[in-house]
Amino acid sequence: MKILIVTSGDPFVRGDAETAADGLRKALVEAGHQAELIVIPFRDYPARSIPDQMLACRLLDLTESCGARIDRMIGLKFPAYLIPHPNKVIWLLHQHRAAYELWGHPVSGSLIDCADGVVVRDAIRQADCELIPEAGTLYTQSQNVSSRLQRGSGITADVLYHPPADADCFHKGSAGDYLLFPSPVRRANRQRLALQALAQCRERVVIRFAGESADPAEQTECANAIRKFKLGDRVQWLGTVPDDQKRELYAQCLGVVYPPVDEDYGYVTLEAMLSAKAVITCSDAGGPVEFVADRRTGFVTDPTPQSLAQAMDMLWADRRCAGTLGDAGRDQYQDLRISWPNVVEKLTC
């Protein structure tokens, strides 16, 4: 089949959604399809421009190319999934979160603060309710996204998990003397919460933070926390690391700390499981909680420094337990049979 994958994004900005789109295209081509990825430029500021961008997507005609019919369209992100097509499938990575669960949330953008915020929010919600059901088939990337879709739009969708990039390259190594926190530094990823927890640990826990500084203001706040709590000898900031180094950091760590706010899916959890490492996350982390079974493959704590510190102490003090939890996580990943061929089969049947 000739298949178009349509998504949206800000030029030169890459994250998990872009990784998923690239992985899907590669998997479709490997399965014998002709597949192209179209990224619709989208910015959520100023907020009053969002309805115009939604309309622009509705006016696009992507039913054929050079006179040849395009057999299927797969929509991933707002507002690209609004583009019409007679044979459209939606694999929803997420809706426009500022109009739903992040409306008024401290980590959200400026939609609630702008003069037209309520009008724009309502326009987004109405469009989703009316137009998402146009798709002949609808999946989401996680149960967390499905639950949001049901709550916000009254629409039911099945879950279709996919593997992280280069899943076969992750491996188990010996457990070193550090916990790994592998995420871009931004408020929603809660590096500061981990630092506050580290300050309350009874054990001499060490954390290595790996990830770009996506929010300079938050990076400054983290630096201030390190000075305030005198954690300089127990924190290592690695910044952006190459993929092969990242995989070695996973392989050699004692466990992984990953406490984001309401994450859509979360590759970190899956990468840790593939590396046979226990994951410490929080009950409000969203996607990661779908995979981390408390005290079986890791720890699911309250989103407080005290609870997170307790879990970090337990993992640090009991290396045998850390290994057992990590091995159980790897076994769980294998039991789930997460694969790109399965994703392709569901999206093209």
C-alpha atoms as a PDB file:
ATOM      1  CA  MET A   1       0.000   0.000   0.000  1.00  0.00           C
ATOM      2  CA  LYS A   2       0.900   3.645  -0.415  1.00  0.00           C
ATOM      3  CA  ILE A   3       0.666   5.040   3.088  1.00  0.00           C
ATOM      4  CA  LEU A   4       1.025   8.575   4.393  1.00  0.00           C
ATOM      5  CA  ILE A   5       1.919   9.152   8.033  1.00  0.00           C
ATOM      6  CA  VAL A   6       0.794  12.633   9.098  1.00  0.00           C
ATOM      7  CA  THR A   7       1.924  14.291  12.281  1.00  0.00           C
ATOM      8  CA  SER A   8       2.773  17.776  13.502  1.00  0.00           C
ATOM      9  CA  GLY A   9       5.700  19.479  15.145  1.00  0.00           C
ATOM     10  CA  ASP A  10       7.904  22.502  15.558  1.00  0.00           C
ATOM     11  CA  PRO A  11      10.886  22.467  13.151  1.00  0.00           C
ATOM     12  CA  PHE A  12      14.164  21.339  14.750  1.00  0.00           C
ATOM     13  CA  VAL A  13      12.347  20.167  17.898  1.00  0.00           C
ATOM     14  CA  ARG A  14      12.498  16.412  18.464  1.00  0.00           C
ATOM     15  CA  GLY A  15      11.049  14.223  21.167  1.00  0.00           C
ATOM     16  CA  ASP A  16       9.393  10.856  21.697  1.00  0.00           C
ATOM     17  CA  ALA A  17       6.620  11.619  19.190  1.00  0.00           C
ATOM     18  CA  GLU A  18       9.158  12.227  16.429  1.00  0.00           C
ATOM     19  CA  THR A  19      10.947   9.007  17.339  1.00  0.00           C
ATOM     20  CA  ALA A  20       7.638   7.122  17.116  1.00  0.00           C
ATOM     21  CA  ALA A  21       6.832   8.617  13.705  1.00  0.00           C
ATOM     22  CA  ASP A  22      10.257   7.713  12.324  1.00  0.00           C
ATOM     23  CA  GLY A  23       9.983   4.201  13.729  1.00  0.00           C
ATOM     24  CA  LEU A  24       6.564   3.693  12.185  1.00  0.00           C
ATOM     25  CA  ARG A  25       7.701   4.784   8.741  1.00  0.00           C
ATOM     26  CA  LYS A  26      10.744   2.489   8.893  1.00  0.00           C
ATOM     27  CA  ALA A  27       8.585  -0.439  10.002  1.00  0.00           C
ATOM     28  CA  LEU A  28       6.059   0.131   7.222  1.00  0.00           C
ATOM     29  CA  VAL A  29       8.812   0.194   4.594  1.00  0.00           C
ATOM     30  CA  GLU A  30      10.377  -2.965   6.017  1.00  0.00           C
ATOM     31  CA  ALA A  31       6.953  -4.619   5.755  1.00  0.00           C
ATOM     32  CA  GLY A  32       6.885  -3.860   2.008  1.00  0.00           C
ATOM     33  CA  HIS A  33       4.731  -0.730   1.942  1.00  0.00           C
ATOM     34  CA  GLN A  34       5.467   2.607   0.312  1.00  0.00           C
ATOM     35  CA  ALA A  35       5.399   5.029   3.215  1.00  0.00           C
ATOM     36  CA  GLU A  36       6.053   8.740   3.545  1.00  0.00           C
ATOM     37  CA  LEU A  37       6.060  10.936   6.632  1.00  0.00           C
ATOM     38  CA  ILE A  38       4.536  14.403   6.430  1.00  0.00           C
ATOM     39  CA  VAL A  39       5.140  16.769   9.348  1.00  0.00           C
ATOM     40  CA  ILE A  40       2.723  19.688   9.522  1.00  0.00           C
ATOM     41  CA  PRO A  41       4.379  22.728  11.160  1.00  0.00           C
ATOM     42  CA  PHE A  42       2.489  23.554  14.342  1.00  0.00           C
ATOM     43  CA  ARG A  43       3.003  26.033  17.155  1.00  0.00           C
ATOM     44  CA  ASP A  44       0.632  26.540  20.042  1.00  0.00           C
ATOM     45  CA  TYR A  45       1.412  30.236  20.362  1.00  0.00           C
ATOM     46  CA  PRO A  46      -0.189  32.625  19.947  1.00  0.00           C
ATOM     47  CA  ALA A  47      -3.203  30.579  21.004  1.00  0.00           C
ATOM     48  CA  ARG A  48      -5.562  32.451  18.685  1.00  0.00           C
ATOM     49  CA  SER A  49      -3.694  30.943  15.705  1.00  0.00           C
ATOM     50  CA  ILE A  50      -4.567  27.359  16.652  1.00  0.00           C
ATOM     51  CA  PRO A  51      -8.051  27.322  15.017  1.00  0.00           C
ATOM     52  CA  ASP A  52      -6.489  28.617  11.787  1.00  0.00           C
ATOM     53  CA  GLN A  53      -3.976  25.767  11.872  1.00  0.00           C
ATOM     54  CA  MET A  54      -6.795  23.304  12.453  1.00  0.00           C
ATOM     55  CA  LEU A  55      -8.654  24.713   9.446  1.00  0.00           C
ATOM     56  CA  ALA A  56      -5.510  24.488   7.324  1.00  0.00           C
ATOM     57  CA  CYS A  57      -5.334  20.777   8.097  1.00  0.00           C
ATOM     58  CA  ARG A  58      -8.988  20.274   7.190  1.00  0.00           C
ATOM     59  CA  LEU A  59      -8.392  21.950   3.803  1.00  0.00           C
ATOM     60  CA  LEU A  60      -5.511  19.672   2.834  1.00  0.00           C
ATOM     61  CA  ASP A  61      -6.219  17.123   0.126  1.00  0.00           C
ATOM     62  CA  LEU A  62      -3.852  14.186   0.488  1.00  0.00           C
ATOM     63  CA  THR A  63      -5.964  11.567  -1.242  1.00  0.00           C
ATOM     64  CA  GLU A  64      -3.591  11.125  -4.178  1.00  0.00           C
ATOM     65  CA  SER A  65      -0.075  11.864  -5.420  1.00  0.00           C
ATOM     66  CA  CYS A  66       0.787  12.414  -9.101  1.00  0.00           C
ATOM     67  CA  GLY A  67      -2.587  10.987 -10.007  1.00  0.00           C
ATOM     68  CA  ALA A  68      -2.067   7.812  -7.995  1.00  0.00           C
ATOM     69  CA  ARG A  69      -4.339   7.033  -5.084  1.00  0.00           C
ATOM     70  CA  ILE A  70      -2.912   7.122  -1.569  1.00  0.00           C
ATOM     71  CA  ASP A  71      -4.299   3.983  -0.003  1.00  0.00           C
ATOM     72  CA  ARG A  72      -4.148   4.922   3.656  1.00  0.00           C
ATOM     73  CA  MET A  73      -3.397   7.794   5.981  1.00  0.00           C
ATOM     74  CA  ILE A  74      -2.196   7.295   9.546  1.00  0.00           C
ATOM     75  CA  GLY A  75      -2.658  10.331  11.807  1.00  0.00           C
ATOM     76  CA  LEU A  76      -0.555  10.692  14.947  1.00  0.00           C
ATOM     77  CA  LYS A  77      -0.742  14.154  16.541  1.00  0.00           C
ATOM     78  CA  PHE A  78      -2.990  17.200  16.748  1.00  0.00           C
ATOM     79  CA  PRO A  79      -3.863  18.918  14.472  1.00  0.00           C
ATOM     80  CA  ALA A  80      -2.486  16.641  11.733  1.00  0.00           C
ATOM     81  CA  TYR A  81      -4.921  13.850  12.603  1.00  0.00           C
ATOM     82  CA  LEU A  82      -7.737  16.200  11.534  1.00  0.00           C
ATOM     83  CA  ILE A  83      -6.647  15.981   7.880  1.00  0.00           C
ATOM     84  CA  PRO A  84      -9.448  14.209   5.958  1.00  0.00           C
ATOM     85  CA  HIS A  85      -8.923  10.984   4.054  1.00  0.00           C
ATOM     86  CA  PRO A  86     -11.401   8.277   2.998  1.00  0.00           C
ATOM     87  CA  ASN A  87      -9.214   5.554   4.504  1.00  0.00           C
ATOM     88  CA  LYS A  88      -7.803   7.168   7.625  1.00  0.00           C
ATOM     89  CA  VAL A  89      -6.457   5.392  10.681  1.00  0.00           C
ATOM     90  CA  ILE A  90      -5.496   7.290  13.822  1.00  0.00           C
ATOM     91  CA  TRP A  91      -2.764   6.032  16.113  1.00  0.00           C
ATOM     92  CA  LEU A  92      -3.088   8.757  18.692  1.00  0.00           C
ATOM     93  CA  LEU A  93       0.139   9.776  20.390  1.00  0.00           C
ATOM     94  CA  HIS A  94      -1.700  12.507  22.292  1.00  0.00           C
ATOM     95  CA  GLN A  95      -4.286  15.243  21.882  1.00  0.00           C
ATOM     96  CA  HIS A  96      -3.485  18.915  22.468  1.00  0.00           C
ATOM     97  CA  ARG A  97      -2.833  18.422  26.162  1.00  0.00           C
ATOM     98  CA  ALA A  98      -3.173  22.081  27.173  1.00  0.00           C
ATOM     99  CA  ALA A  99      -6.852  21.856  26.226  1.00  0.00           C
ATOM    100  CA  TYR A 100      -7.446  18.783  28.363  1.00  0.00           C
ATOM    101  CA  GLU A 101      -5.592  17.335  31.352  1.00  0.00           C
ATOM    102  CA  LEU A 102      -3.019  20.162  31.453  1.00  0.00           C
ATOM    103  CA  TRP A 103      -5.608  22.937  31.365  1.00  0.00           C
ATOM    104  CA  GLY A 104      -4.566  25.047  34.346  1.00  0.00           C
ATOM    105  CA  HIS A 105      -1.777  22.629  35.334  1.00  0.00           C
ATOM    106  CA  PRO A 106       1.472  24.255  36.532  1.00  0.00           C
ATOM    107  CA  VAL A 107       3.527  22.527  33.819  1.00  0.00           C
ATOM    108  CA  SER A 108       1.156  23.587  31.033  1.00  0.00           C
ATOM    109  CA  GLY A 109       1.687  26.312  28.467  1.00  0.00           C
ATOM    110  CA  SER A 110      -0.061  29.632  28.174  1.00  0.00           C
ATOM    111  CA  LEU A 111      -3.426  28.581  26.687  1.00  0.00           C
ATOM    112  CA  ILE A 112      -5.345  29.155  29.911  1.00  0.00           C
ATOM    113  CA  ASP A 113      -3.718  32.567  30.366  1.00  0.00           C
ATOM    114  CA  CYS A 114      -4.489  34.037  26.943  1.00  0.00           C
ATOM    115  CA  ALA A 115      -7.560  36.179  26.265  1.00  0.00           C
ATOM    116  CA  ASP A 116      -9.061  33.657  23.836  1.00  0.00           C
ATOM    117  CA  GLY A 117      -8.003  30.599  25.816  1.00  0.00           C
ATOM    118  CA  VAL A 118     -11.447  29.252  26.666  1.00  0.00           C
ATOM    119  CA  VAL A 119     -12.729  29.774  23.111  1.00  0.00           C
ATOM    120  CA  VAL A 120      -9.694  28.016  21.620  1.00  0.00           C
ATOM    121  CA  ARG A 121      -9.919  25.182  24.138  1.00  0.00           C
ATOM    122  CA  ASP A 122     -13.582  24.613  23.322  1.00  0.00           C
ATOM    123  CA  ALA A 123     -12.859  24.687  19.571  1.00  0.00           C
ATOM    124  CA  ILE A 124     -10.184  22.004  20.011  1.00  0.00           C
ATOM    125  CA  ARG A 125     -12.459  19.816  22.102  1.00  0.00           C
ATOM    126  CA  GLN A 126     -15.364  20.147  19.670  1.00  0.00           C
ATOM    127  CA  ALA A 127     -13.163  19.314  16.686  1.00  0.00           C
ATOM    128  CA  ASP A 128     -11.809  16.225  18.419  1.00  0.00           C
ATOM    129  CA  CYS A 129     -15.268  14.993  19.391  1.00  0.00           C
ATOM    130  CA  GLU A 130     -16.621  15.450  15.867  1.00  0.00           C
ATOM    131  CA  LEU A 131     -13.622  14.570  13.696  1.00  0.00           C
ATOM    132  CA  ILE A 132     -11.582  11.890  15.452  1.00  0.00           C
ATOM    133  CA  PRO A 133     -14.423   9.377  14.837  1.00  0.00           C
ATOM    134  CA  GLU A 134     -13.938   9.958  11.081  1.00  0.00           C
ATOM    135  CA  ALA A 135     -11.104   7.460  11.285  1.00  0.00           C
ATOM    136  CA  GLY A 136     -12.101   3.964  10.318  1.00  0.00           C
ATOM    137  CA  THR A 137      -9.770   2.574  12.973  1.00  0.00           C
ATOM    138  CA  LEU A 138      -8.541   4.246  16.148  1.00  0.00           C
ATOM    139  CA  TYR A 139      -5.699   3.251  18.437  1.00  0.00           C
ATOM    140  CA  THR A 140      -3.645   5.076  21.049  1.00  0.00           C
ATOM    141  CA  GLN A 141      -0.049   4.529  22.093  1.00  0.00           C
ATOM    142  CA  SER A 142      -0.880   3.848  25.754  1.00  0.00           C
ATOM    143  CA  GLN A 143      -3.682   3.195  28.197  1.00  0.00           C
ATOM    144  CA  ASN A 144      -2.985   6.629  29.660  1.00  0.00           C
ATOM    145  CA  VAL A 145      -3.764   8.276  26.313  1.00  0.00           C
ATOM    146  CA  SER A 146      -6.861   6.088  25.900  1.00  0.00           C
ATOM    147  CA  SER A 147      -8.113   7.097  29.340  1.00  0.00           C
ATOM    148  CA  ARG A 148      -7.610  10.788  28.563  1.00  0.00           C
ATOM    149  CA  LEU A 149      -9.437  10.378  25.258  1.00  0.00           C
ATOM    150  CA  GLN A 150     -12.371   8.742  27.018  1.00  0.00           C
ATOM    151  CA  ARG A 151     -12.519  11.388  29.736  1.00  0.00           C
ATOM    152  CA  GLY A 152     -12.021  14.386  27.478  1.00  0.00           C
ATOM    153  CA  SER A 153     -13.860  13.366  24.303  1.00  0.00           C
ATOM    154  CA  GLY A 154     -16.007  10.379  25.227  1.00  0.00           C
ATOM    155  CA  ILE A 155     -14.221   8.250  22.628  1.00  0.00           C
ATOM    156  CA  THR A 156     -12.988   4.688  23.208  1.00  0.00           C
ATOM    157  CA  ALA A 157      -9.774   3.409  21.642  1.00  0.00           C
ATOM    158  CA  ASP A 158      -7.646   0.288  21.919  1.00  0.00           C
ATOM    159  CA  VAL A 159      -4.005   0.491  22.974  1.00  0.00           C
ATOM    160  CA  LEU A 160      -1.167  -0.301  20.603  1.00  0.00           C
ATOM    161  CA  TYR A 161       2.263  -0.352  22.256  1.00  0.00           C
ATOM    162  CA  HIS A 162       5.468   0.132  20.273  1.00  0.00           C
ATOM    163  CA  PRO A 163       9.138  -0.440  21.124  1.00  0.00           C
ATOM    164  CA  PRO A 164      11.711   2.288  21.728  1.00  0.00           C
ATOM    165  CA  ALA A 165      14.291   3.036  19.049  1.00  0.00           C
ATOM    166  CA  ASP A 166      17.011   0.378  18.679  1.00  0.00           C
ATOM    167  CA  ALA A 167      15.283  -1.851  21.216  1.00  0.00           C
ATOM    168  CA  ASP A 168      17.528  -4.799  20.326  1.00  0.00           C
ATOM    169  CA  CYS A 169      20.626  -2.836  21.354  1.00  0.00           C
ATOM    170  CA  PHE A 170      19.714  -2.497  25.033  1.00  0.00           C
ATOM    171  CA  HIS A 171      21.343  -5.055  27.294  1.00  0.00           C
ATOM    172  CA  LYS A 172      21.991  -5.942  30.915  1.00  0.00           C
ATOM    173  CA  GLY A 173      25.304  -5.126  32.552  1.00  0.00           C
ATOM    174  CA  SER A 174      26.651  -5.244  36.074  1.00  0.00           C
ATOM    175  CA  ALA A 175      25.038  -2.946  38.626  1.00  0.00           C
ATOM    176  CA  GLY A 176      27.160   0.131  39.308  1.00  0.00           C
ATOM    177  CA  ASP A 177      27.075   2.647  42.119  1.00  0.00           C
ATOM    178  CA  TYR A 178      24.575   5.077  40.638  1.00  0.00           C
ATOM    179  CA  LEU A 179      20.938   5.493  39.761  1.00  0.00           C
ATOM    180  CA  LEU A 180      20.180   6.847  36.303  1.00  0.00           C
ATOM    181  CA  PHE A 181      17.735   9.651  35.512  1.00  0.00           C
ATOM    182  CA  PRO A 182      17.689   9.746  31.678  1.00  0.00           C
ATOM    183  CA  SER A 183      15.366  12.573  30.584  1.00  0.00           C
ATOM    184  CA  PRO A 184      15.568  16.099  29.174  1.00  0.00           C
ATOM    185  CA  VAL A 185      15.654  18.662  31.955  1.00  0.00           C
ATOM    186  CA  ARG A 186      12.221  20.244  32.064  1.00  0.00           C
ATOM    187  CA  ARG A 187       9.663  20.939  34.740  1.00  0.00           C
ATOM    188  CA  ALA A 188       7.331  18.108  33.706  1.00  0.00           C
ATOM    189  CA  ASN A 189      10.123  15.532  34.104  1.00  0.00           C
ATOM    190  CA  ARG A 190      10.663  16.555  37.747  1.00  0.00           C
ATOM    191  CA  GLN A 191      14.415  16.392  38.148  1.00  0.00           C
ATOM    192  CA  ARG A 192      13.981  18.770  41.088  1.00  0.00           C
ATOM    193  CA  LEU A 193      11.742  16.258  42.828  1.00  0.00           C
ATOM    194  CA  ALA A 194      14.516  13.671  42.532  1.00  0.00           C
ATOM    195  CA  LEU A 195      17.020  16.146  44.002  1.00  0.00           C
ATOM    196  CA  GLN A 196      14.696  16.923  46.902  1.00  0.00           C
ATOM    197  CA  ALA A 197      14.341  13.181  47.481  1.00  0.00           C
ATOM    198  CA  LEU A 198      18.102  12.672  47.287  1.00  0.00           C
ATOM    199  CA  ALA A 199      18.527  15.211  50.080  1.00  0.00           C
ATOM    200  CA  GLN A 200      16.293  13.054  52.299  1.00  0.00           C
ATOM    201  CA  CYS A 201      17.937   9.705  51.537  1.00  0.00           C
ATOM    202  CA  ARG A 202      19.561   7.889  54.458  1.00  0.00           C
ATOM    203  CA  GLU A 203      21.906   6.070  52.077  1.00  0.00           C
ATOM    204  CA  ARG A 204      24.650   7.827  50.111  1.00  0.00           C
ATOM    205  CA  VAL A 205      22.681   7.479  46.882  1.00  0.00           C
ATOM    206  CA  VAL A 206      24.265   8.869  43.707  1.00  0.00           C
ATOM    207  CA  ILE A 207      22.221   9.929  40.662  1.00  0.00           C
ATOM    208  CA  ARG A 208      23.510  10.506  37.139  1.00  0.00           C
ATOM    209  CA  PHE A 209      21.273  12.808  35.120  1.00  0.00           C
ATOM    210  CA  ALA A 210      21.459  12.340  31.336  1.00  0.00           C
ATOM    211  CA  GLY A 211      19.503  14.536  28.945  1.00  0.00           C
ATOM    212  CA  GLU A 212      19.524  17.875  27.216  1.00  0.00           C
ATOM    213  CA  SER A 213      18.712  21.095  29.037  1.00  0.00           C
ATOM    214  CA  ALA A 214      15.318  21.663  27.431  1.00  0.00           C
ATOM    215  CA  ASP A 215      14.349  24.337  29.957  1.00  0.00           C
ATOM    216  CA  PRO A 216      17.216  26.636  31.048  1.00  0.00           C
ATOM    217  CA  ALA A 217      15.152  28.091  33.891  1.00  0.00           C
ATOM    218  CA  GLU A 218      14.497  24.615  35.280  1.00  0.00           C
ATOM    219  CA  GLN A 219      18.179  23.734  34.893  1.00  0.00           C
ATOM    220  CA  THR A 220      19.005  26.784  37.014  1.00  0.00           C
ATOM    221  CA  GLU A 221      16.489  25.702  39.650  1.00  0.00           C
ATOM    222  CA  CYS A 222      18.124  22.271  39.755  1.00  0.00           C
ATOM    223  CA  ALA A 223      21.552  23.844  40.197  1.00  0.00           C
ATOM    224  CA  ASN A 224      20.167  25.937  43.053  1.00  0.00           C
ATOM    225  CA  ALA A 225      18.724  22.811  44.686  1.00  0.00           C
ATOM    226  CA  ILE A 226      22.088  21.045  44.499  1.00  0.00           C
ATOM    227  CA  ARG A 227      23.755  23.952  46.268  1.00  0.00           C
ATOM    228  CA  LYS A 228      20.967  24.293  48.808  1.00  0.00           C
ATOM    229  CA  PHE A 229      21.041  20.616  49.779  1.00  0.00           C
ATOM    230  CA  LYS A 230      24.841  20.254  49.390  1.00  0.00           C
ATOM    231  CA  LEU A 231      24.519  17.405  46.887  1.00  0.00           C
ATOM    232  CA  GLY A 232      27.501  18.243  44.686  1.00  0.00           C
ATOM    233  CA  ASP A 233      29.317  14.965  45.392  1.00  0.00           C
ATOM    234  CA  ARG A 234      26.201  12.829  44.803  1.00  0.00           C
ATOM    235  CA  VAL A 235      24.924  14.293  41.542  1.00  0.00           C
ATOM    236  CA  GLN A 236      26.463  14.037  38.085  1.00  0.00           C
ATOM    237  CA  TRP A 237      25.104  16.037  35.155  1.00  0.00           C
ATOM    238  CA  LEU A 238      26.017  14.366  31.895  1.00  0.00           C
ATOM    239  CA  GLY A 239      23.931  16.479  29.526  1.00  0.00           C
ATOM    240  CA  THR A 240      23.097  15.035  26.123  1.00  0.00           C
ATOM    241  CA  VAL A 241      24.849  11.719  25.545  1.00  0.00           C
ATOM    242  CA  PRO A 242      25.208   9.630  22.354  1.00  0.00           C
ATOM    243  CA  ASP A 243      22.844   6.688  22.000  1.00  0.00           C
ATOM    244  CA  ASP A 244      25.538   4.076  22.571  1.00  0.00           C
ATOM    245  CA  GLN A 245      26.668   5.806  25.767  1.00  0.00           C
ATOM    246  CA  LYS A 246      23.062   6.058  26.919  1.00  0.00           C
ATOM    247  CA  ARG A 247      22.614   2.313  26.497  1.00  0.00           C
ATOM    248  CA  GLU A 248      25.768   1.670  28.526  1.00  0.00           C
ATOM    249  CA  LEU A 249      24.523   3.975  31.268  1.00  0.00           C
ATOM    250  CA  TYR A 250      21.354   1.884  31.428  1.00  0.00           C
ATOM    251  CA  ALA A 251      23.315  -1.358  31.381  1.00  0.00           C
ATOM    252  CA  GLN A 252      25.642  -0.370  34.218  1.00  0.00           C
ATOM    253  CA  CYS A 253      23.267   1.482  36.569  1.00  0.00           C
ATOM    254  CA  LEU A 254      21.728   0.063  39.720  1.00  0.00           C
ATOM    255  CA  GLY A 255      18.258   1.290  38.755  1.00  0.00           C
ATOM    256  CA  VAL A 256      16.378   4.031  36.928  1.00  0.00           C
ATOM    257  CA  VAL A 257      14.560   7.037  38.393  1.00  0.00           C
ATOM    258  CA  TYR A 258      11.707   8.289  36.197  1.00  0.00           C
ATOM    259  CA  PRO A 259       8.976  10.374  37.900  1.00  0.00           C
ATOM    260  CA  PRO A 260       7.433  12.566  35.144  1.00  0.00           C
ATOM    261  CA  VAL A 261       4.048  14.240  35.372  1.00  0.00           C
ATOM    262  CA  ASP A 262       1.346  12.314  33.466  1.00  0.00           C
ATOM    263  CA  GLU A 263       3.639  11.067  30.692  1.00  0.00           C
ATOM    264  CA  ASP A 264       1.942   9.900  27.482  1.00  0.00           C
ATOM    265  CA  TYR A 265       3.980   6.694  27.158  1.00  0.00           C
ATOM    266  CA  GLY A 266       7.593   7.015  28.282  1.00  0.00           C
ATOM    267  CA  TYR A 267      10.422   5.280  26.444  1.00  0.00           C
ATOM    268  CA  VAL A 268      12.581   5.460  29.576  1.00  0.00           C
ATOM    269  CA  THR A 269      10.493   2.790  31.288  1.00  0.00           C
ATOM    270  CA  LEU A 270      10.778   0.405  28.346  1.00  0.00           C
ATOM    271  CA  GLU A 271      14.510   1.082  27.889  1.00  0.00           C
ATOM    272  CA  ALA A 272      15.080   0.302  31.565  1.00  0.00           C
ATOM    273  CA  MET A 273      13.093  -2.931  31.297  1.00  0.00           C
ATOM    274  CA  LEU A 274      15.087  -3.975  28.225  1.00  0.00           C
ATOM    275  CA  SER A 275      18.238  -3.327  30.286  1.00  0.00           C
ATOM    276  CA  ALA A 276      16.883  -5.410  33.202  1.00  0.00           C
ATOM    277  CA  LYS A 277      16.848  -2.437  35.571  1.00  0.00           C
ATOM    278  CA  ALA A 278      14.257  -1.628  38.222  1.00  0.00           C
ATOM    279  CA  VAL A 279      12.328   1.610  37.705  1.00  0.00           C
ATOM    280  CA  ILE A 280      11.352   4.056  40.434  1.00  0.00           C
ATOM    281  CA  THR A 281       8.387   6.160  39.349  1.00  0.00           C
ATOM    282  CA  CYS A 282       5.423   8.002  40.858  1.00  0.00           C
ATOM    283  CA  SER A 283       1.738   7.177  41.016  1.00  0.00           C
ATOM    284  CA  ASP A 284       0.854  10.203  38.848  1.00  0.00           C
ATOM    285  CA  ALA A 285       3.481   9.484  36.179  1.00  0.00           C
ATOM    286  CA  GLY A 286       0.948   8.244  33.613  1.00  0.00           C
ATOM    287  CA  GLY A 287       2.392   5.874  31.020  1.00  0.00           C
ATOM    288  CA  PRO A 288       5.204   4.450  33.188  1.00  0.00           C
ATOM    289  CA  VAL A 289       2.688   3.162  35.738  1.00  0.00           C
ATOM    290  CA  GLU A 290       1.268   0.860  33.051  1.00  0.00           C
ATOM    291  CA  PHE A 291       4.550  -1.064  33.101  1.00  0.00           C
ATOM    292  CA  VAL A 292       6.031  -0.688  36.600  1.00  0.00           C
ATOM    293  CA  ALA A 293       4.473  -3.085  39.107  1.00  0.00           C
ATOM    294  CA  ASP A 294       5.199  -1.822  42.614  1.00  0.00           C
ATOM    295  CA  ARG A 295       7.785  -4.017  44.380  1.00  0.00           C
ATOM    296  CA  ARG A 296       7.718  -6.500  41.495  1.00  0.00           C
ATOM    297  CA  THR A 297       9.488  -4.630  38.676  1.00  0.00           C
ATOM    298  CA  GLY A 298      10.288  -1.441  40.552  1.00  0.00           C
ATOM    299  CA  PHE A 299       8.652   1.046  42.897  1.00  0.00           C
ATOM    300  CA  VAL A 300       5.575   3.227  42.399  1.00  0.00           C
ATOM    301  CA  THR A 301       5.675   5.947  45.044  1.00  0.00           C
ATOM    302  CA  ASP A 302       3.669   8.987  46.024  1.00  0.00           C
ATOM    303  CA  PRO A 303       4.956  12.092  44.178  1.00  0.00           C
ATOM    304  CA  THR A 304       6.699  13.423  47.296  1.00  0.00           C
ATOM    305  CA  PRO A 305      10.394  13.698  48.203  1.00  0.00           C
ATOM    306  CA  GLN A 306       9.862  11.480  51.245  1.00  0.00           C
ATOM    307  CA  SER A 307       8.281   8.592  49.309  1.00  0.00           C
ATOM    308  CA  LEU A 308      10.754   8.814  46.457  1.00  0.00           C
ATOM    309  CA  ALA A 309      13.679   8.892  48.907  1.00  0.00           C
ATOM    310  CA  GLN A 310      12.412   5.768  50.638  1.00  0.00           C
ATOM    311  CA  ALA A 311      12.311   3.846  47.352  1.00  0.00           C
ATOM    312  CA  MET A 312      15.773   5.062  46.370  1.00  0.00           C
ATOM    313  CA  ASP A 313      17.133   3.971  49.751  1.00  0.00           C
ATOM    314  CA  MET A 314      15.593   0.501  49.444  1.00  0.00           C
ATOM    315  CA  LEU A 315      17.046  -0.046  45.994  1.00  0.00           C
ATOM    316  CA  TRP A 316      20.468   1.272  47.034  1.00  0.00           C
ATOM    317  CA  ALA A 317      20.643  -0.828  50.201  1.00  0.00           C
ATOM    318  CA  ASP A 318      19.520  -4.120  48.649  1.00  0.00           C
ATOM    319  CA  ARG A 319      21.435  -4.901  45.451  1.00  0.00           C
ATOM    320  CA  ARG A 320      19.964  -8.386  45.220  1.00  0.00           C
ATOM    321  CA  CYS A 321      16.456  -6.928  45.285  1.00  0.00           C
ATOM    322  CA  ALA A 322      17.438  -4.420  42.606  1.00  0.00           C
ATOM    323  CA  GLY A 323      18.604  -7.250  40.351  1.00  0.00           C
ATOM    324  CA  THR A 324      15.484  -9.328  40.965  1.00  0.00           C
ATOM    325  CA  LEU A 325      13.178  -6.421  40.153  1.00  0.00           C
ATOM    326  CA  GLY A 326      15.154  -5.605  37.018  1.00  0.00           C
ATOM    327  CA  ASP A 327      15.048  -9.184  35.735  1.00  0.00           C
ATOM    328  CA  ALA A 328      11.299  -9.282  36.362  1.00  0.00           C
ATOM    329  CA  GLY A 329      10.909  -6.097  34.349  1.00  0.00           C
ATOM    330  CA  ARG A 330      12.768  -7.585  31.396  1.00  0.00           C
ATOM    331  CA  ASP A 331      10.612 -10.713  31.562  1.00  0.00           C
ATOM    332  CA  GLN A 332       7.484  -8.559  31.636  1.00  0.00           C
ATOM    333  CA  TYR A 333       8.599  -6.658  28.531  1.00  0.00           C
ATOM    334  CA  GLN A 334       9.122  -9.931  26.677  1.00  0.00           C
ATOM    335  CA  ASP A 335       5.705 -11.200  27.788  1.00  0.00           C
ATOM    336  CA  LEU A 336       4.048  -8.092  26.322  1.00  0.00           C
ATOM    337  CA  ARG A 337       5.497  -8.928  22.866  1.00  0.00           C
ATOM    338  CA  ILE A 338       5.856  -5.281  21.929  1.00  0.00           C
ATOM    339  CA  SER A 339       7.025  -5.067  18.325  1.00  0.00           C
ATOM    340  CA  TRP A 340       6.814  -2.927  15.216  1.00  0.00           C
ATOM    341  CA  PRO A 341       5.481  -5.812  13.064  1.00  0.00           C
ATOM    342  CA  ASN A 342       2.497  -6.004  15.411  1.00  0.00           C
ATOM    343  CA  VAL A 343       1.935  -2.238  15.098  1.00  0.00           C
ATOM    344  CA  VAL A 344       2.126  -2.417  11.304  1.00  0.00           C
ATOM    345  CA  GLU A 345      -0.278  -5.350  11.156  1.00  0.00           C
ATOM    346  CA  LYS A 346      -2.896  -3.501  13.228  1.00  0.00           C
ATOM    347  CA  LEU A 347      -2.569  -0.207  11.344  1.00  0.00           C
ATOM    348  CA  THR A 348      -2.735  -1.739   7.877  1.00  0.00           C
ATOM    349  CA  CYS A 349      -5.322  -4.501   8.237  1.00  0.00           C
END
